[in-house]
Amino acid sequence: MRKKNYILFLLLFCAVSSFAQEFNASVSVTYNKIQSTNNELFNNMRRDIYEFMNNTRWTNNVYTIQEKIRCSFSFTLESQIGADEFKGNLQIQLNRPVFNSSYQTTVLNIFDKDIRFRYAEFESLKYKENSTNSNLVSLLAYYANIILGYTYDTFSLNGGGVYFSRAEAIVAMCQNNIEVGWKSFEGRRNRYWLIENIQDATSVGVRRCLYMYHRQGLDMMEKDIVTARSSVLDALELLRKSYRERSNSMFIQLFFDAKSEEILNIFSEAYREEKTRVYNVVAEVDPTHNSKYKVLIKN
């Protein structure tokens, strides 16, 4: 009888554990610029990163399979430095389901143009919070917390604060790393400046926008599209206020990198007056995509 109970306990433990992890992350590693006879090394790299992202427990919350966060990590390796060191770039995308629909909205689409890390084949990746980690592990842990912060902010007002703070702590611990991307003087669009922008007081409106746009806007489209569109417009007005306080915010630009096409789709059937109001906001706050937005005010 004791043996049966023990087996039942193991089965229940495994079932709960399978729901513990937060991510449903896809990982790709492109290495065609590297002359190598050991293609298996890159297959193992992809597998180890995939397992690290999806098997590490990042929060104290329990996720069902359907609730796991969908994201992708696309590594493009451009050169190999020595036997186990690589340089390249990383594209990260985060998607979120919209309530009462099959639609997945893109919340974050970020390009990290300068990554460098060591990868030792057959050595598992392990993350130790508040401790020094390899640059690859720090990189993955940083973006895991950025993704969590964004995700939780879209479901509850300022809900991602604890994860943004963890990302900030990782940046602080990486200040002595020789690899670039962690420091303030290494350009204005890197890991340091992203979390600095997010945590800055001028970004209060941006974080509120993430909540209003998704929870009070997109999630309500099926129920009341007119009210939902109005909430999206109110959210964009909050962005404009933050933009006027800090026009070079990477946080704001990343919002529009993910949302410019979606904004056009949301307001494609709106009233002319509402389209004009939206255009006046986005033309000011997101001049990069201004030519695209002009469709809103065409006759």
Foldseek 3Di string as FASTA:
>chain_A
DVVVVVVVVVVVVVVQLLQQFAAPEQEEEAEVLEDDPCPVQRVQVRVLLNCCNGNDRDDRDGGHPVRHWYKYKYWYWNYADPDFKTWFKIWMWTWDDAAPDRDIAIQFTDIAGIDMFGDDGPDHADDDQPDDGGSVNLVSLLVSLVNQLLVLLQADPSRSVVSLVSSQSSLVVCPPPPGDQSDDPRDCDGSPQQSVLCPDPLCSLVSNLSHQLRVVARNCCVPPLVRNLVSNLVSLVSLLSSCVVPVPRPSLQRRCVRPVVVNCVSCVPPDLVSLVSSLVRCCVNPVVCNVVSCVSNDD
